[in-house]
Amino acid sequence: MSESATDAELAIGADAFDEDGAGLEVAVVGAGAVGSTVAYDLARRGADVTLYDSGDVASGASGRAAGLCYDAFADSLDADIAGDSIERFRAFSGDDTFPFVECPYVWLARDGDDERADAIREQVDRMQHNGIVALEMDGEELGERFPALRSDDVAVAAVAGAAGYTDPAQYTACLAAAATGAGATLEANTPVGVKAEPPRIVTRDGSGTARGEHEVDAVVVSAGAHTKRLLAEAGVSIAMKPYRVQALVASGDFEEPMCYDATDGFYLRPHVDGILVGNGTEPTEADPDEYDLTASPEFVEDLHERVDGRLDGIDFEVDRSWAGLCTATPDRDPLVGELREGMFVATGFQGHGFMRAPAIGERLASKVLGEGGLERFDPTRFDGDESFDIVEGMNVDS
């Protein structure tokens, strides 16, 4: 964030206010990208909103996200949400808010990977049928269009034009500031608990001991990997598992495109300091309070070698690396909606939470205000005690 909350609110559009949420008191727990967007959309519609976080704004998964944004989804609902998010990223971005850099998104399968190659071709057909701008290319065409990518081993590639990237921490800080500019109260570094039926916020002292309860009209829990534990304390179970992912930033002169190598299972995008690269999915449930925030040396060395084989003529050196947490569900769809009367949740995004945040936040705010939508993501579709495996979120079947 470059300026003040007022500047952010003016840049995003303070004239879009209406008062259909007036009189409703809402607590939003989790000042990540989704939670901050929900708080903004509720506040601009007149609700009395308090945004809580146990740390600073974007101190969790949002601050460690990769920042890729694209609408390359064959499913129409996923594509609509991604497309709406990109529109809001574009509308919100600017000199006084955060940058959004337009950049094509490429996903590819290598020679011999017939299953993924066929899946990509089918995806492109479905996308074009649904009106999404996506093109299919062979290796030669890919190399001509994007000479920075090695393409002699590519069986098929697809390109989505409606795509770009941004800084997740800047976006989240901007939306949190815009929420306060619209009238919300930000309570950072304030751990709280939640209770259901009726929805309540449990205040805590510095040691974590409960001090008191405050009843509200609605609670929205969007606390990333901590969401499951927060809800469990309220006696509510959800089918979600946190898992660790890893990424790195390397120096190098790279302008386009963003790319996902489906055969080798890694993604890359341009970064202000060179190139951002990641995958590093660890398919085991992680402890959100005790996981290792650093990337493993083996991950860094291995990924450096693999990416070096995909970039053509670009020399790069690893600058920094890190680990973050994503959240998985049994069917790889998120849990977004009402769990109990007045108790709402947004989690389980399989690594796509940031790129969906602008649209999911707006839709969830509407749901809190009694409007419909997001039925496919209904969190009550699971009992909460399901057994399931964690799988990589970025996948050609997405």
Protein backbone atom coordinates (compact mmCIF):
# COMPACT_ATOMS: atom_id res chain seq x y z
CA MET A 1 0.00 0.00 0.00
CA SER A 2 1.40 3.32 -1.01
CA GLU A 3 -0.90 5.80 0.65
CA SER A 4 -3.66 5.84 3.26
CA ALA A 5 -6.89 3.90 3.70
CA THR A 6 -8.80 6.85 2.26
CA ASP A 7 -6.63 6.90 -0.87
CA ALA A 8 -7.19 3.17 -1.36
CA GLU A 9 -10.95 3.53 -0.94
CA LEU A 10 -11.12 6.39 -3.41
CA ALA A 11 -9.01 4.47 -5.91
CA ILE A 12 -11.17 1.36 -5.64
CA GLY A 13 -14.41 3.30 -5.93
CA ALA A 14 -16.19 4.78 -2.93
CA ASP A 15 -19.12 5.78 -5.12
CA ALA A 16 -20.20 2.12 -5.34
CA PHE A 17 -21.79 2.20 -1.85
CA ASP A 18 -25.32 1.05 -1.10
CA GLU A 19 -26.91 0.39 2.28
CA ASP A 20 -28.56 -3.04 1.96
CA GLY A 21 -26.29 -4.32 4.74
CA ALA A 22 -27.15 -1.51 7.15
CA GLY A 23 -27.83 -2.68 10.69
CA LEU A 24 -25.97 -5.97 10.26
CA GLU A 25 -22.96 -6.57 12.52
CA VAL A 26 -20.41 -8.95 11.03
CA ALA A 27 -17.09 -10.26 12.34
CA VAL A 28 -14.60 -11.43 9.69
CA VAL A 29 -11.81 -13.61 11.08
CA GLY A 30 -8.70 -13.68 8.90
CA ALA A 31 -7.19 -10.62 7.17
CA GLY A 32 -5.89 -12.49 4.15
CA ALA A 33 -6.96 -11.80 0.58
CA VAL A 34 -10.41 -13.41 0.87
CA GLY A 35 -11.19 -12.09 4.35
CA SER A 36 -10.10 -8.54 3.51
CA THR A 37 -12.20 -8.59 0.33
CA VAL A 38 -15.27 -9.89 2.19
CA ALA A 39 -14.80 -7.14 4.78
CA TYR A 40 -14.54 -4.51 2.06
CA ASP A 41 -17.62 -5.70 0.18
CA LEU A 42 -19.69 -5.95 3.37
CA ALA A 43 -18.57 -2.53 4.61
CA ARG A 44 -19.28 -0.80 1.30
CA ARG A 45 -22.79 -2.25 1.47
CA GLY A 46 -23.40 -0.70 4.87
CA ALA A 47 -22.66 -3.55 7.30
CA ASP A 48 -20.89 -2.88 10.60
CA VAL A 49 -17.74 -4.96 10.03
CA THR A 50 -14.80 -5.83 12.25
CA LEU A 51 -11.86 -7.59 10.55
CA TYR A 52 -9.75 -9.65 12.96
CA ASP A 53 -6.39 -11.33 12.51
CA SER A 54 -4.04 -12.96 14.99
CA GLY A 55 -1.13 -11.37 13.11
CA ASP A 56 -0.73 -8.55 10.63
CA VAL A 57 -2.68 -8.16 7.40
CA ALA A 58 -1.49 -10.77 4.84
CA SER A 59 0.81 -12.38 7.41
CA GLY A 60 -0.37 -15.88 6.50
CA ALA A 61 -0.88 -17.68 3.20
CA SER A 62 -1.79 -14.54 1.23
CA GLY A 63 1.58 -12.98 1.96
CA ARG A 64 3.31 -16.12 0.66
CA ALA A 65 1.13 -16.68 -2.43
CA ALA A 66 2.49 -16.69 -5.98
CA GLY A 67 0.15 -14.05 -7.40
CA LEU A 68 -0.78 -15.80 -10.66
CA CYS A 69 -4.23 -14.86 -12.00
CA TYR A 70 -5.91 -16.53 -14.99
CA ASP A 71 -9.29 -17.74 -16.22
CA ALA A 72 -8.01 -21.00 -17.79
CA PHE A 73 -10.70 -23.27 -16.35
CA ALA A 74 -12.81 -25.63 -18.42
CA ASP A 75 -15.62 -25.60 -15.84
CA SER A 76 -17.95 -22.66 -16.45
CA LEU A 77 -18.37 -21.66 -12.77
CA ASP A 78 -14.63 -21.75 -12.10
CA ALA A 79 -14.04 -19.73 -15.25
CA ASP A 80 -16.71 -17.17 -14.31
CA ILE A 81 -15.21 -16.69 -10.86
CA ALA A 82 -11.69 -16.40 -12.27
CA GLY A 83 -12.83 -14.00 -14.98
CA ASP A 84 -14.70 -11.80 -12.49
CA SER A 85 -11.64 -11.79 -10.24
CA ILE A 86 -9.42 -10.62 -13.09
CA GLU A 87 -11.87 -7.83 -13.88
CA ARG A 88 -11.73 -6.67 -10.25
CA PHE A 89 -7.95 -6.95 -10.13
CA ARG A 90 -7.80 -4.68 -13.17
CA ALA A 91 -10.36 -2.25 -11.76
CA PHE A 92 -8.76 -2.03 -8.31
CA SER A 93 -5.14 -1.80 -9.47
CA GLY A 94 -3.32 1.48 -9.93
CA ASP A 95 -0.56 3.73 -8.70
CA ASP A 96 -2.26 4.21 -5.32
CA THR A 97 -3.26 0.59 -4.80
CA PHE A 98 -1.27 -2.31 -6.28
CA PRO A 99 0.09 -3.34 -9.70
CA PHE A 100 -1.67 -5.81 -11.96
CA VAL A 101 0.55 -6.84 -14.88
CA GLU A 102 -1.17 -8.31 -17.93
CA CYS A 103 0.67 -11.46 -18.99
CA PRO A 104 -0.40 -14.53 -21.04
CA TYR A 105 -0.72 -17.84 -19.23
CA VAL A 106 0.64 -21.00 -20.90
CA TRP A 107 0.17 -24.60 -19.80
CA LEU A 108 1.83 -27.45 -21.62
CA ALA A 109 2.48 -31.19 -21.80
CA ARG A 110 5.66 -32.75 -23.08
CA ASP A 111 6.23 -35.41 -25.74
CA GLY A 112 5.25 -38.83 -24.44
CA ASP A 113 2.80 -37.46 -21.85
CA ASP A 114 -0.25 -38.46 -23.86
CA GLU A 115 -2.71 -38.36 -20.97
CA ARG A 116 -1.99 -34.74 -20.06
CA ALA A 117 -1.70 -33.71 -23.70
CA ASP A 118 -5.18 -35.09 -24.40
CA ALA A 119 -6.51 -33.38 -21.26
CA ILE A 120 -5.13 -30.02 -22.41
CA ARG A 121 -6.71 -30.39 -25.85
CA GLU A 122 -10.05 -31.24 -24.24
CA GLN A 123 -9.73 -28.28 -21.90
CA VAL A 124 -9.18 -25.87 -24.77
CA ASP A 125 -12.24 -27.22 -26.60
CA ARG A 126 -14.41 -26.76 -23.52
CA MET A 127 -13.03 -23.30 -22.83
CA GLN A 128 -13.69 -22.14 -26.36
CA HIS A 129 -17.21 -23.59 -26.16
CA ASN A 130 -17.77 -21.54 -22.99
CA GLY A 131 -16.48 -18.36 -24.60
CA ILE A 132 -13.09 -18.29 -22.86
CA VAL A 133 -10.22 -16.98 -24.96
CA ALA A 134 -7.84 -19.97 -25.18
CA LEU A 135 -5.65 -21.15 -28.04
CA GLU A 136 -3.99 -24.50 -28.73
CA MET A 137 -0.41 -24.57 -30.05
CA ASP A 138 2.16 -27.17 -30.96
CA GLY A 139 5.79 -26.87 -29.89
CA GLU A 140 6.89 -24.96 -32.97
CA GLU A 141 4.09 -22.41 -32.63
CA LEU A 142 4.83 -22.01 -28.94
CA GLY A 143 8.50 -21.31 -29.61
CA GLU A 144 7.68 -18.69 -32.22
CA ARG A 145 5.25 -16.91 -29.90
CA PHE A 146 7.30 -17.21 -26.69
CA PRO A 147 11.00 -17.59 -27.54
CA ALA A 148 11.96 -17.50 -23.85
CA LEU A 149 10.45 -20.99 -23.42
CA ARG A 150 12.14 -24.15 -24.64
CA SER A 151 9.56 -25.80 -26.88
CA ASP A 152 11.28 -28.60 -28.82
CA ASP A 153 9.96 -31.21 -26.35
CA VAL A 154 6.39 -29.85 -26.18
CA ALA A 155 3.56 -32.06 -27.46
CA VAL A 156 0.83 -29.47 -26.95
CA ALA A 157 0.46 -26.11 -25.27
CA ALA A 158 -2.49 -23.87 -24.51
CA VAL A 159 -2.53 -20.10 -24.06
CA ALA A 160 -5.04 -18.02 -22.09
CA GLY A 161 -5.03 -14.33 -22.89
CA ALA A 162 -7.07 -13.11 -19.89
CA ALA A 163 -4.32 -13.42 -17.32
CA GLY A 164 -1.78 -11.52 -15.30
CA TYR A 165 0.03 -11.36 -12.00
CA THR A 166 0.29 -9.10 -8.98
CA ASP A 167 1.76 -8.82 -5.50
CA PRO A 168 -0.58 -10.71 -3.13
CA ALA A 169 0.54 -8.83 0.00
CA GLN A 170 -0.03 -5.45 -1.66
CA TYR A 171 -3.48 -6.48 -2.90
CA THR A 172 -4.48 -7.72 0.56
CA ALA A 173 -3.19 -4.61 2.33
CA CYS A 174 -5.05 -2.46 -0.18
CA LEU A 175 -8.38 -4.24 0.34
CA ALA A 176 -8.00 -4.16 4.12
CA ALA A 177 -7.31 -0.42 3.91
CA ALA A 178 -10.26 0.05 1.56
CA ALA A 179 -12.46 -1.83 4.03
CA THR A 180 -11.50 0.55 6.84
CA GLY A 181 -12.04 3.45 4.46
CA ALA A 182 -15.57 2.12 3.91
CA GLY A 183 -16.20 2.03 7.66
CA ALA A 184 -14.86 -1.35 8.83
CA THR A 185 -12.72 -1.71 11.95
CA LEU A 186 -9.41 -3.55 11.60
CA GLU A 187 -8.22 -5.49 14.66
CA ALA A 188 -4.82 -6.85 13.62
CA ASN A 189 -2.62 -8.80 16.05
CA THR A 190 -5.80 -9.74 17.89
CA PRO A 191 -6.34 -13.50 18.32
CA VAL A 192 -10.00 -14.43 18.72
CA GLY A 193 -12.11 -17.56 18.86
CA VAL A 194 -15.55 -18.16 17.41
CA LYS A 195 -18.73 -19.82 18.63
CA ALA A 196 -21.88 -20.84 16.80
CA GLU A 197 -25.62 -20.73 17.40
CA PRO A 198 -25.71 -17.83 18.00
CA PRO A 199 -22.56 -16.59 16.21
CA ARG A 200 -20.10 -15.03 18.63
CA ILE A 201 -16.55 -13.75 18.79
CA VAL A 202 -14.49 -14.89 21.77
CA THR A 203 -11.93 -12.31 22.85
CA ARG A 204 -8.64 -13.54 24.34
CA ASP A 205 -5.82 -12.12 26.40
CA GLY A 206 -2.13 -12.34 25.54
CA SER A 207 -1.88 -15.92 26.81
CA GLY A 208 -4.82 -17.06 24.71
CA THR A 209 -7.24 -17.34 27.63
CA ALA A 210 -10.83 -16.39 26.81
CA ARG A 211 -11.86 -13.05 28.30
CA GLY A 212 -15.39 -12.65 27.03
CA GLU A 213 -17.85 -13.15 24.19
CA HIS A 214 -19.50 -10.75 21.82
CA GLU A 215 -22.57 -11.81 19.87
CA VAL A 216 -22.85 -10.65 16.26
CA ASP A 217 -25.29 -11.20 13.42
CA ALA A 218 -22.76 -13.17 11.39
CA VAL A 219 -19.22 -14.51 11.62
CA VAL A 220 -17.11 -15.19 8.52
CA VAL A 221 -14.12 -17.46 9.16
CA SER A 222 -11.50 -17.13 6.43
CA ALA A 223 -8.38 -17.82 8.43
CA GLY A 224 -6.55 -20.01 5.93
CA ALA A 225 -4.95 -23.09 7.43
CA HIS A 226 -6.18 -22.08 10.91
CA THR A 227 -9.83 -22.19 9.84
CA LYS A 228 -10.30 -25.85 10.73
CA ARG A 229 -9.04 -25.43 14.29
CA LEU A 230 -11.02 -22.25 14.88
CA LEU A 231 -14.23 -23.94 13.82
CA ALA A 232 -13.41 -27.12 15.76
CA GLU A 233 -13.24 -25.01 18.93
CA ALA A 234 -16.79 -23.96 18.13
CA GLY A 235 -17.84 -27.59 17.74
CA VAL A 236 -18.02 -27.39 13.94
CA SER A 237 -16.08 -29.91 11.80
CA ILE A 238 -15.04 -29.26 8.21
CA ALA A 239 -13.45 -31.52 5.59
CA MET A 240 -10.23 -29.57 5.06
CA LYS A 241 -6.52 -30.30 5.44
CA PRO A 242 -3.66 -27.78 5.37
CA TYR A 243 -0.59 -28.78 3.36
CA ARG A 244 2.80 -27.23 2.69
CA VAL A 245 3.90 -25.76 -0.65
CA GLN A 246 7.20 -24.19 -1.67
CA ALA A 247 8.39 -21.47 -4.04
CA LEU A 248 11.45 -19.40 -4.90
CA VAL A 249 12.46 -16.18 -6.60
CA ALA A 250 15.50 -16.13 -8.88
CA SER A 251 17.27 -13.35 -10.75
CA GLY A 252 16.98 -13.32 -14.50
CA ASP A 253 15.62 -11.32 -17.42
CA PHE A 254 12.17 -12.82 -18.09
CA GLU A 255 9.10 -10.90 -19.27
CA GLU A 256 6.55 -13.47 -20.45
CA PRO A 257 4.66 -15.76 -20.27
CA MET A 258 3.44 -17.25 -17.04
CA CYS A 259 3.81 -20.99 -17.56
CA TYR A 260 2.71 -24.26 -15.99
CA ASP A 261 4.63 -27.35 -17.09
CA ALA A 262 2.00 -30.01 -16.38
CA THR A 263 4.34 -32.89 -17.14
CA ASP A 264 7.05 -31.75 -14.74
CA GLY A 265 4.65 -30.17 -12.25
CA PHE A 266 5.98 -26.63 -11.74
CA TYR A 267 4.89 -23.10 -12.59
CA LEU A 268 6.80 -19.88 -13.23
CA ARG A 269 6.02 -16.24 -13.81
CA PRO A 270 7.88 -12.94 -14.25
CA HIS A 271 8.68 -11.18 -10.97
CA VAL A 272 9.93 -7.69 -10.17
CA ASP A 273 13.21 -9.33 -9.08
CA GLY A 274 13.38 -11.81 -11.99
CA ILE A 275 11.43 -15.07 -11.98
CA LEU A 276 9.07 -16.64 -9.44
CA VAL A 277 8.89 -20.45 -9.55
CA GLY A 278 6.99 -22.97 -7.46
CA ASN A 279 5.28 -26.25 -6.89
CA GLY A 280 6.75 -28.12 -3.94
CA THR A 281 3.43 -29.63 -2.84
CA GLU A 282 3.86 -31.94 0.13
CA PRO A 283 0.86 -34.33 0.21
CA THR A 284 0.71 -34.64 3.99
CA GLU A 285 -1.36 -32.67 6.47
CA ALA A 286 0.63 -29.84 8.06
CA ASP A 287 0.34 -28.21 11.47
CA PRO A 288 -0.48 -24.53 10.83
CA ASP A 289 1.21 -23.50 14.09
CA GLU A 290 4.44 -25.46 13.70
CA TYR A 291 5.22 -25.93 10.01
CA ASP A 292 8.62 -25.01 8.53
CA LEU A 293 8.42 -21.64 6.75
CA THR A 294 11.63 -22.29 4.81
CA ALA A 295 11.88 -24.25 1.56
CA SER A 296 13.95 -27.40 1.69
CA PRO A 297 17.41 -27.29 0.06
CA GLU A 298 16.47 -30.35 -2.01
CA PHE A 299 13.43 -28.53 -3.41
CA VAL A 300 15.47 -25.48 -4.36
CA GLU A 301 18.24 -27.46 -6.07
CA ASP A 302 15.87 -29.78 -7.91
CA LEU A 303 13.54 -27.02 -9.10
CA HIS A 304 16.45 -24.89 -10.27
CA GLU A 305 17.60 -27.71 -12.55
CA ARG A 306 14.10 -28.40 -13.88
CA VAL A 307 13.31 -24.77 -14.66
CA ASP A 308 16.69 -24.31 -16.30
CA GLY A 309 15.58 -26.94 -18.80
CA ARG A 310 12.39 -25.04 -19.64
CA LEU A 311 13.83 -21.54 -20.10
CA ASP A 312 15.76 -20.94 -23.30
CA GLY A 313 18.91 -18.86 -22.98
CA ILE A 314 18.05 -17.28 -19.62
CA ASP A 315 20.66 -17.40 -16.88
CA PHE A 316 19.30 -17.13 -13.36
CA GLU A 317 20.43 -17.54 -9.78
CA VAL A 318 18.17 -18.33 -6.82
CA ASP A 319 17.69 -15.26 -4.65
CA ARG A 320 15.30 -16.51 -1.94
CA SER A 321 12.86 -19.33 -1.22
CA TRP A 322 10.07 -20.04 1.22
CA ALA A 323 7.18 -22.32 2.16
CA GLY A 324 3.53 -21.57 2.79
CA LEU A 325 0.31 -23.43 3.44
CA CYS A 326 -2.58 -24.25 1.13
CA THR A 327 -5.81 -26.01 2.07
CA ALA A 328 -7.34 -29.12 0.46
CA THR A 329 -10.82 -30.66 0.37
CA PRO A 330 -12.03 -34.12 -0.70
CA ASP A 331 -13.32 -32.94 -4.10
CA ARG A 332 -10.82 -30.08 -4.63
CA ASP A 333 -13.63 -27.51 -4.56
CA PRO A 334 -13.50 -24.88 -1.81
CA LEU A 335 -15.80 -24.66 1.18
CA VAL A 336 -17.60 -21.33 0.82
CA GLY A 337 -20.92 -20.51 2.43
CA GLU A 338 -22.99 -20.95 5.57
CA LEU A 339 -22.09 -23.78 7.98
CA ARG A 340 -24.54 -22.92 10.76
CA GLU A 341 -27.04 -20.10 11.09
CA GLY A 342 -24.94 -16.94 10.91
CA MET A 343 -21.64 -18.87 10.70
CA PHE A 344 -19.88 -18.62 7.32
CA VAL A 345 -16.62 -20.07 6.04
CA ALA A 346 -14.23 -19.65 3.11
CA THR A 347 -11.36 -22.15 2.86
CA GLY A 348 -10.09 -25.18 0.93
CA PHE A 349 -8.97 -23.38 -2.22
CA GLN A 350 -6.22 -25.86 -3.25
CA GLY A 351 -3.77 -23.02 -3.92
CA HIS A 352 -6.25 -20.94 -5.96
CA GLY A 353 -7.53 -18.79 -3.09
CA PHE A 354 -5.67 -15.60 -3.90
CA MET A 355 -6.53 -15.55 -7.59
CA ARG A 356 -10.22 -16.11 -6.73
CA ALA A 357 -10.31 -13.67 -3.80
CA PRO A 358 -11.87 -10.63 -5.54
CA ALA A 359 -14.85 -12.63 -6.85
CA ILE A 360 -15.22 -15.03 -3.92
CA GLY A 361 -15.11 -12.13 -1.46
CA GLU A 362 -17.85 -10.29 -3.33
CA ARG A 363 -20.04 -13.39 -3.65
CA LEU A 364 -19.60 -14.42 -0.03
CA ALA A 365 -20.48 -10.91 1.14
CA SER A 366 -23.70 -11.19 -0.87
CA LYS A 367 -24.43 -14.55 0.75
CA VAL A 368 -23.95 -13.09 4.23
CA LEU A 369 -26.50 -10.45 3.26
CA GLY A 370 -29.03 -13.15 2.40
CA GLU A 371 -28.51 -13.49 -1.34
CA GLY A 372 -27.94 -16.76 -3.21
CA GLY A 373 -25.08 -18.27 -5.18
CA LEU A 374 -22.06 -20.53 -4.66
CA GLU A 375 -24.25 -23.60 -4.07
CA ARG A 376 -21.61 -25.93 -5.52
CA PHE A 377 -19.19 -24.80 -2.82
CA ASP A 378 -21.70 -25.37 0.00
CA PRO A 379 -19.52 -26.35 3.01
CA THR A 380 -22.26 -28.63 4.39
CA ARG A 381 -21.88 -31.02 1.44
CA PHE A 382 -19.42 -32.91 3.68
CA ASP A 383 -19.93 -34.20 7.21
CA GLY A 384 -16.51 -32.93 8.22
CA ASP A 385 -14.94 -36.25 9.19
CA GLU A 386 -14.15 -37.52 5.69
CA SER A 387 -10.87 -39.28 4.97
CA PHE A 388 -9.15 -38.09 1.78
CA ASP A 389 -5.75 -37.68 0.15
CA ILE A 390 -4.11 -34.33 -0.48
CA VAL A 391 -3.39 -33.77 -4.17
CA GLU A 392 -1.65 -30.94 -5.98
CA GLY A 393 -3.96 -27.99 -6.59
CA MET A 394 -2.50 -26.98 -9.96
CA ASN A 395 -3.56 -29.69 -12.37
CA VAL A 396 -4.61 -29.95 -16.02
CA ASP A 397 -7.90 -31.41 -14.81
CA SER A 398 -8.71 -28.16 -12.87
